[in-house]
């Protein structure tokens, strides 16, 4: 998906402890720190904080 581009595929994992994950891409040169998004977790049916994992 991110073949020869400057964007890398990263995984966002729910902080609610459900184990639900999203895959997104980010530009590591412009955003070297870890991503945090508030997204929907369908396991608990709420919006929670998702943090970047390895």
PDB file of N, CA and C in Angstrom:
ATOM      1  N   UNK A   1       0.820  -1.186   0.000  1.00  0.00           N
ATOM      2  CA  UNK A   1       0.000   0.000   0.000  1.00  0.00           C
ATOM      3  C   UNK A   1       0.868   1.255   0.000  1.00  0.00           C
ATOM      4  N   UNK A   2       1.866   1.337   0.850  1.00  0.00           N
ATOM      5  CA  UNK A   2       2.683   2.534   0.941  1.00  0.00           C
ATOM      6  C   UNK A   2       4.006   2.359   0.202  1.00  0.00           C
ATOM      7  N   UNK A   3       4.067   1.465  -0.730  1.00  0.00           N
ATOM      8  CA  UNK A   3       5.229   1.123  -1.554  1.00  0.00           C
ATOM      9  C   UNK A   3       6.454   2.005  -1.481  1.00  0.00           C
ATOM     10  N   UNK A   4       6.626   2.900  -2.444  1.00  0.00           N
ATOM     11  CA  UNK A   4       7.812   3.742  -2.518  1.00  0.00           C
ATOM     12  C   UNK A   4       7.576   5.138  -1.969  1.00  0.00           C
ATOM     13  N   UNK A   5       6.480   5.368  -1.293  1.00  0.00           N
ATOM     14  CA  UNK A   5       6.166   6.708  -0.817  1.00  0.00           C
ATOM     15  C   UNK A   5       6.926   7.021   0.473  1.00  0.00           C
ATOM     16  N   UNK A   6       6.802   8.265   0.911  1.00  0.00           N
ATOM     17  CA  UNK A   6       7.455   8.693   2.148  1.00  0.00           C
ATOM     18  C   UNK A   6       6.583   8.417   3.361  1.00  0.00           C
ATOM     19  N   UNK A   7       5.433   7.796   3.138  1.00  0.00           N
ATOM     20  CA  UNK A   7       4.511   7.498   4.224  1.00  0.00           C
ATOM     21  C   UNK A   7       4.691   6.048   4.673  1.00  0.00           C
ATOM     22  N   UNK A   8       4.612   5.832   5.984  1.00  0.00           N
ATOM     23  CA  UNK A   8       4.758   4.492   6.552  1.00  0.00           C
ATOM     24  C   UNK A   8       3.440   4.031   7.146  1.00  0.00           C
ATOM     25  N   UNK A   9       3.194   2.733   7.090  1.00  0.00           N
ATOM     26  CA  UNK A   9       1.990   2.159   7.681  1.00  0.00           C
ATOM     27  C   UNK A   9       2.225   1.962   9.168  1.00  0.00           C
ATOM     28  N   UNK A  10       1.315   2.491   9.995  1.00  0.00           N
ATOM     29  CA  UNK A  10       1.399   2.334  11.442  1.00  0.00           C
ATOM     30  C   UNK A  10       0.085   1.754  11.945  1.00  0.00           C
ATOM     31  N   UNK A  11       0.107   1.202  13.145  1.00  0.00           N
ATOM     32  CA  UNK A  11      -1.068   0.598  13.757  1.00  0.00           C
ATOM     33  C   UNK A  11      -1.487   1.419  14.962  1.00  0.00           C
ATOM     34  N   UNK A  12      -2.772   1.710  15.042  1.00  0.00           N
ATOM     35  CA  UNK A  12      -3.338   2.409  16.193  1.00  0.00           C
ATOM     36  C   UNK A  12      -4.129   1.402  17.009  1.00  0.00           C
ATOM     37  N   UNK A  13      -3.835   1.307  18.311  1.00  0.00           N
ATOM     38  CA  UNK A  13      -4.508   0.341  19.173  1.00  0.00           C
ATOM     39  C   UNK A  13      -5.330   1.068  20.233  1.00  0.00           C
ATOM     40  N   UNK A  14      -6.491   0.514  20.536  1.00  0.00           N
ATOM     41  CA  UNK A  14      -7.421   1.116  21.496  1.00  0.00           C
ATOM     42  C   UNK A  14      -6.826   1.136  22.898  1.00  0.00           C
ATOM     43  N   UNK A  15      -7.029   2.249  23.606  1.00  0.00           N
ATOM     44  CA  UNK A  15      -6.568   2.344  24.989  1.00  0.00           C
ATOM     45  C   UNK A  15      -7.596   1.761  25.950  1.00  0.00           C
ATOM     46  N   UNK A  16      -8.749   1.333  25.423  1.00  0.00           N
ATOM     47  CA  UNK A  16      -9.789   0.744  26.268  1.00  0.00           C
ATOM     48  C   UNK A  16      -9.474  -0.708  26.617  1.00  0.00           C
ATOM     49  N   UNK A  17      -8.439  -1.277  26.015  1.00  0.00           N
ATOM     50  CA  UNK A  17      -8.039  -2.638  26.336  1.00  0.00           C
ATOM     51  C   UNK A  17      -8.814  -3.712  25.584  1.00  0.00           C
ATOM     52  N   UNK A  18      -9.517  -3.328  24.518  1.00  0.00           N
ATOM     53  CA  UNK A  18     -10.291  -4.308  23.763  1.00  0.00           C
ATOM     54  C   UNK A  18      -9.453  -5.033  22.721  1.00  0.00           C
ATOM     55  N   UNK A  19      -8.300  -4.470  22.378  1.00  0.00           N
ATOM     56  CA  UNK A  19      -7.449  -5.088  21.369  1.00  0.00           C
ATOM     57  C   UNK A  19      -7.804  -4.691  19.954  1.00  0.00           C
ATOM     58  N   UNK A  20      -8.784  -3.817  19.774  1.00  0.00           N
ATOM     59  CA  UNK A  20      -9.184  -3.383  18.435  1.00  0.00           C
ATOM     60  C   UNK A  20      -8.120  -2.445  17.875  1.00  0.00           C
ATOM     61  N   UNK A  21      -7.837  -2.582  16.560  1.00  0.00           N
ATOM     62  CA  UNK A  21      -6.767  -1.813  15.929  1.00  0.00           C
ATOM     63  C   UNK A  21      -7.203  -1.227  14.605  1.00  0.00           C
ATOM     64  N   UNK A  22      -6.642  -0.073  14.286  1.00  0.00           N
ATOM     65  CA  UNK A  22      -6.778   0.547  12.976  1.00  0.00           C
ATOM     66  C   UNK A  22      -5.399   0.601  12.339  1.00  0.00           C
ATOM     67  N   UNK A  23      -5.341   0.518  11.004  1.00  0.00           N
ATOM     68  CA  UNK A  23      -4.101   0.729  10.263  1.00  0.00           C
ATOM     69  C   UNK A  23      -4.221   2.042   9.508  1.00  0.00           C
ATOM     70  N   UNK A  24      -3.241   2.916   9.684  1.00  0.00           N
ATOM     71  CA  UNK A  24      -3.220   4.211   9.012  1.00  0.00           C
ATOM     72  C   UNK A  24      -1.807   4.459   8.495  1.00  0.00           C
ATOM     73  N   UNK A  25      -1.656   5.477   7.647  1.00  0.00           N
ATOM     74  CA  UNK A  25      -0.323   5.854   7.178  1.00  0.00           C
ATOM     75  C   UNK A  25       0.010   7.237   7.725  1.00  0.00           C
ATOM     76  N   UNK A  26       1.306   7.478   7.917  1.00  0.00           N
ATOM     77  CA  UNK A  26       1.749   8.796   8.369  1.00  0.00           C
ATOM     78  C   UNK A  26       3.094   9.117   7.747  1.00  0.00           C
ATOM     79  N   UNK A  27       3.386  10.388   7.631  1.00  0.00           N
ATOM     80  CA  UNK A  27       4.656  10.869   7.126  1.00  0.00           C
ATOM     81  C   UNK A  27       5.592  11.027   8.318  1.00  0.00           C
ATOM     82  N   UNK A  28       6.586  10.148   8.437  1.00  0.00           N
ATOM     83  CA  UNK A  28       7.476  10.157   9.608  1.00  0.00           C
ATOM     84  C   UNK A  28       8.394  11.367   9.645  1.00  0.00           C
ATOM     85  N   UNK A  29       8.635  11.985   8.508  1.00  0.00           N
ATOM     86  CA  UNK A  29       9.498  13.161   8.491  1.00  0.00           C
ATOM     87  C   UNK A  29       8.769  14.362   9.087  1.00  0.00           C
ATOM     88  N   UNK A  30       7.481  14.507   8.800  1.00  0.00           N
ATOM     89  CA  UNK A  30       6.721  15.641   9.316  1.00  0.00           C
ATOM     90  C   UNK A  30       6.165  15.397  10.708  1.00  0.00           C
ATOM     91  N   UNK A  31       5.909  14.123  11.068  1.00  0.00           N
ATOM     92  CA  UNK A  31       5.335  13.766  12.360  1.00  0.00           C
ATOM     93  C   UNK A  31       6.137  12.642  13.007  1.00  0.00           C
ATOM     94  N   UNK A  32       7.307  12.961  13.567  1.00  0.00           N
ATOM     95  CA  UNK A  32       8.155  11.907  14.137  1.00  0.00           C
ATOM     96  C   UNK A  32       7.623  11.319  15.447  1.00  0.00           C
ATOM     97  N   UNK A  33       6.727  12.038  16.131  1.00  0.00           N
ATOM     98  CA  UNK A  33       6.203  11.534  17.397  1.00  0.00           C
ATOM     99  C   UNK A  33       5.074  10.528  17.143  1.00  0.00           C
ATOM    100  N   UNK A  34       4.623   9.874  18.202  1.00  0.00           N
ATOM    101  CA  UNK A  34       3.581   8.857  18.064  1.00  0.00           C
ATOM    102  C   UNK A  34       2.211   9.507  17.889  1.00  0.00           C
ATOM    103  N   UNK A  35       1.393   8.882  17.041  1.00  0.00           N
ATOM    104  CA  UNK A  35       0.054   9.394  16.759  1.00  0.00           C
ATOM    105  C   UNK A  35      -0.929   9.037  17.865  1.00  0.00           C
ATOM    106  N   UNK A  36      -1.885   9.917  18.072  1.00  0.00           N
ATOM    107  CA  UNK A  36      -3.008   9.651  18.982  1.00  0.00           C
ATOM    108  C   UNK A  36      -4.254  10.223  18.322  1.00  0.00           C
ATOM    109  N   UNK A  37      -5.259   9.380  18.121  1.00  0.00           N
ATOM    110  CA  UNK A  37      -6.525   9.801  17.542  1.00  0.00           C
ATOM    111  C   UNK A  37      -7.658   9.310  18.410  1.00  0.00           C
ATOM    112  N   UNK A  38      -8.731  10.070  18.439  1.00  0.00           N
ATOM    113  CA  UNK A  38      -9.944   9.619  19.095  1.00  0.00           C
ATOM    114  C   UNK A  38     -10.827   9.021  18.004  1.00  0.00           C
ATOM    115  N   UNK A  39     -11.021   7.692  18.057  1.00  0.00           N
ATOM    116  CA  UNK A  39     -11.759   6.985  17.022  1.00  0.00           C
ATOM    117  C   UNK A  39     -12.771   6.037  17.664  1.00  0.00           C
ATOM    118  N   UNK A  40     -13.615   5.477  16.823  1.00  0.00           N
ATOM    119  CA  UNK A  40     -14.686   4.602  17.291  1.00  0.00           C
ATOM    120  C   UNK A  40     -14.160   3.188  17.533  1.00  0.00           C
ATOM    121  N   UNK A  41     -14.473   2.637  18.686  1.00  0.00           N
ATOM    122  CA  UNK A  41     -14.147   1.251  19.017  1.00  0.00           C
ATOM    123  C   UNK A  41     -15.450   0.450  18.988  1.00  0.00           C
ATOM    124  N   UNK A  42     -15.649  -0.396  17.966  1.00  0.00           N
ATOM    125  CA  UNK A  42     -16.915  -1.123  17.836  1.00  0.00           C
ATOM    126  C   UNK A  42     -17.123  -2.199  18.897  1.00  0.00           C
ATOM    127  N   UNK A  43     -16.072  -2.616  19.586  1.00  0.00           N
ATOM    128  CA  UNK A  43     -16.214  -3.641  20.620  1.00  0.00           C
ATOM    129  C   UNK A  43     -17.004  -3.090  21.808  1.00  0.00           C
ATOM    130  N   UNK A  44     -16.680  -1.862  22.228  1.00  0.00           N
ATOM    131  CA  UNK A  44     -17.401  -1.256  23.352  1.00  0.00           C
ATOM    132  C   UNK A  44     -18.402  -0.206  22.886  1.00  0.00           C
ATOM    133  N   UNK A  45     -18.474   0.026  21.570  1.00  0.00           N
ATOM    134  CA  UNK A  45     -19.414   0.955  20.932  1.00  0.00           C
ATOM    135  C   UNK A  45     -19.306   2.374  21.478  1.00  0.00           C
ATOM    136  N   UNK A  46     -18.049   2.862  21.584  1.00  0.00           N
ATOM    137  CA  UNK A  46     -17.778   4.227  22.041  1.00  0.00           C
ATOM    138  C   UNK A  46     -16.567   4.782  21.298  1.00  0.00           C
ATOM    139  N   UNK A  47     -16.418   6.093  21.332  1.00  0.00           N
ATOM    140  CA  UNK A  47     -15.203   6.725  20.839  1.00  0.00           C
ATOM    141  C   UNK A  47     -14.187   6.737  21.976  1.00  0.00           C
ATOM    142  N   UNK A  48     -12.989   6.225  21.711  1.00  0.00           N
ATOM    143  CA  UNK A  48     -11.919   6.199  22.704  1.00  0.00           C
ATOM    144  C   UNK A  48     -10.619   6.645  22.043  1.00  0.00           C
ATOM    145  N   UNK A  49      -9.610   6.844  22.847  1.00  0.00           N
ATOM    146  CA  UNK A  49      -8.296   7.244  22.356  1.00  0.00           C
ATOM    147  C   UNK A  49      -7.562   6.035  21.792  1.00  0.00           C
ATOM    148  N   UNK A  50      -7.005   6.184  20.587  1.00  0.00           N
ATOM    149  CA  UNK A  50      -6.184   5.155  19.960  1.00  0.00           C
ATOM    150  C   UNK A  50      -4.768   5.683  19.859  1.00  0.00           C
ATOM    151  N   UNK A  51      -3.788   4.879  20.285  1.00  0.00           N
ATOM    152  CA  UNK A  51      -2.372   5.278  20.247  1.00  0.00           C
ATOM    153  C   UNK A  51      -1.593   4.387  19.294  1.00  0.00           C
ATOM    154  N   UNK A  52      -0.548   4.979  18.716  1.00  0.00           N
ATOM    155  CA  UNK A  52       0.306   4.240  17.782  1.00  0.00           C
ATOM    156  C   UNK A  52       1.109   3.178  18.521  1.00  0.00           C
ATOM    157  N   UNK A  53       1.158   1.976  17.944  1.00  0.00           N
ATOM    158  CA  UNK A  53       1.968   0.889  18.490  1.00  0.00           C
ATOM    159  C   UNK A  53       2.924   0.415  17.408  1.00  0.00           C
ATOM    160  N   UNK A  54       3.830  -0.447  17.773  1.00  0.00           N
ATOM    161  CA  UNK A  54       4.771  -1.004  16.801  1.00  0.00           C
ATOM    162  C   UNK A  54       4.169  -2.176  16.076  1.00  0.00           C
TER     163      UNK A  54
END
